Amino acid sequence: MSTQLPDSTPATARWDVSSVLTAVSTTIGPALTDQVLSQLPRGYALLFGRAELAAAMA
């Protein structure tokens, strides 16, 4: 993304993407967010405003 956004650095692009994906996560809810995250490599949860890739098991 940083190459596509004018005057952007990798850090600011990560911040911008995270802001959008956190809003998407809030809109679609935790169940669908979990489903999306289950199909992404480990580490993407942070972009969705999550500390972990999957919800903790009860």
C-alpha atoms as a PDB file:
ATOM      1  CA  MET A   1       0.000   0.000   0.000  1.00  0.00           C
ATOM      2  CA  SER A   2       2.781   2.432   0.787  1.00  0.00           C
ATOM      3  CA  THR A   3       3.793   2.471  -2.879  1.00  0.00           C
ATOM      4  CA  GLN A   4       0.217   3.324  -3.893  1.00  0.00           C
ATOM      5  CA  LEU A   5      -0.447   6.108  -1.395  1.00  0.00           C
ATOM      6  CA  PRO A   6       1.257   9.449  -2.109  1.00  0.00           C
ATOM      7  CA  ASP A   7       3.820  10.506   0.505  1.00  0.00           C
ATOM      8  CA  SER A   8       3.239   7.305   2.466  1.00  0.00           C
ATOM      9  CA  THR A   9       5.726   5.214   4.403  1.00  0.00           C
ATOM     10  CA  PRO A  10       5.255   1.545   5.292  1.00  0.00           C
ATOM     11  CA  ALA A  11       4.342   2.591   8.841  1.00  0.00           C
ATOM     12  CA  THR A  12       1.688   5.114   7.790  1.00  0.00           C
ATOM     13  CA  ALA A  13       0.273   2.699   5.209  1.00  0.00           C
ATOM     14  CA  ARG A  14       0.000  -0.004   7.900  1.00  0.00           C
ATOM     15  CA  TRP A  15      -1.808   2.488  10.147  1.00  0.00           C
ATOM     16  CA  ASP A  16      -4.219   3.470   7.347  1.00  0.00           C
ATOM     17  CA  VAL A  17      -4.967  -0.148   6.401  1.00  0.00           C
ATOM     18  CA  SER A  18      -5.457  -1.070  10.041  1.00  0.00           C
ATOM     19  CA  SER A  19      -7.937   1.778  10.505  1.00  0.00           C
ATOM     20  CA  VAL A  20     -10.023   0.553   7.583  1.00  0.00           C
ATOM     21  CA  LEU A  21      -9.870  -3.142   8.540  1.00  0.00           C
ATOM     22  CA  THR A  22     -10.763  -2.375  12.158  1.00  0.00           C
ATOM     23  CA  ALA A  23     -13.856  -0.514  10.941  1.00  0.00           C
ATOM     24  CA  VAL A  24     -14.714  -3.444   8.642  1.00  0.00           C
ATOM     25  CA  SER A  25     -14.297  -5.858  11.553  1.00  0.00           C
ATOM     26  CA  THR A  26     -16.636  -3.788  13.707  1.00  0.00           C
ATOM     27  CA  THR A  27     -19.206  -3.727  10.917  1.00  0.00           C
ATOM     28  CA  ILE A  28     -19.136  -7.435  10.038  1.00  0.00           C
ATOM     29  CA  GLY A  29     -18.944  -8.656  13.630  1.00  0.00           C
ATOM     30  CA  PRO A  30     -16.670 -11.056  15.486  1.00  0.00           C
ATOM     31  CA  ALA A  31     -17.884 -14.316  13.878  1.00  0.00           C
ATOM     32  CA  LEU A  32     -17.221 -13.212  10.304  1.00  0.00           C
ATOM     33  CA  THR A  33     -13.974 -11.528  11.333  1.00  0.00           C
ATOM     34  CA  ASP A  34     -12.850 -14.836  12.867  1.00  0.00           C
ATOM     35  CA  GLN A  35     -13.710 -16.580   9.595  1.00  0.00           C
ATOM     36  CA  VAL A  36     -11.698 -14.065   7.563  1.00  0.00           C
ATOM     37  CA  LEU A  37      -8.734 -14.286   9.939  1.00  0.00           C
ATOM     38  CA  SER A  38      -8.765 -18.083   9.846  1.00  0.00           C
ATOM     39  CA  GLN A  39      -7.884 -17.854   6.158  1.00  0.00           C
ATOM     40  CA  LEU A  40      -5.009 -15.400   6.587  1.00  0.00           C
ATOM     41  CA  PRO A  41      -1.456 -16.087   7.785  1.00  0.00           C
ATOM     42  CA  ARG A  42      -0.638 -15.516  11.448  1.00  0.00           C
ATOM     43  CA  GLY A  43      -0.019 -11.861  12.253  1.00  0.00           C
ATOM     44  CA  TYR A  44      -2.844 -10.286  10.267  1.00  0.00           C
ATOM     45  CA  ALA A  45      -5.091 -10.040  13.327  1.00  0.00           C
ATOM     46  CA  LEU A  46      -3.305  -6.858  14.385  1.00  0.00           C
ATOM     47  CA  LEU A  47      -4.506  -5.154  11.200  1.00  0.00           C
ATOM     48  CA  PHE A  48      -8.073  -5.956  12.274  1.00  0.00           C
ATOM     49  CA  GLY A  49      -7.602  -4.489  15.742  1.00  0.00           C
ATOM     50  CA  ARG A  50      -7.139  -7.903  17.332  1.00  0.00           C
ATOM     51  CA  ALA A  51      -4.298  -8.993  19.572  1.00  0.00           C
ATOM     52  CA  GLU A  52      -4.477 -12.658  18.509  1.00  0.00           C
ATOM     53  CA  LEU A  53      -5.223 -14.507  15.295  1.00  0.00           C
ATOM     54  CA  ALA A  54      -8.136 -16.471  16.781  1.00  0.00           C
ATOM     55  CA  ALA A  55     -10.377 -16.074  19.789  1.00  0.00           C
ATOM     56  CA  ALA A  56      -9.262 -17.941  22.898  1.00  0.00           C
ATOM     57  CA  MET A  57     -10.952 -21.261  23.530  1.00  0.00           C
ATOM     58  CA  ALA A  58     -13.195 -21.379  26.605  1.00  0.00           C
END
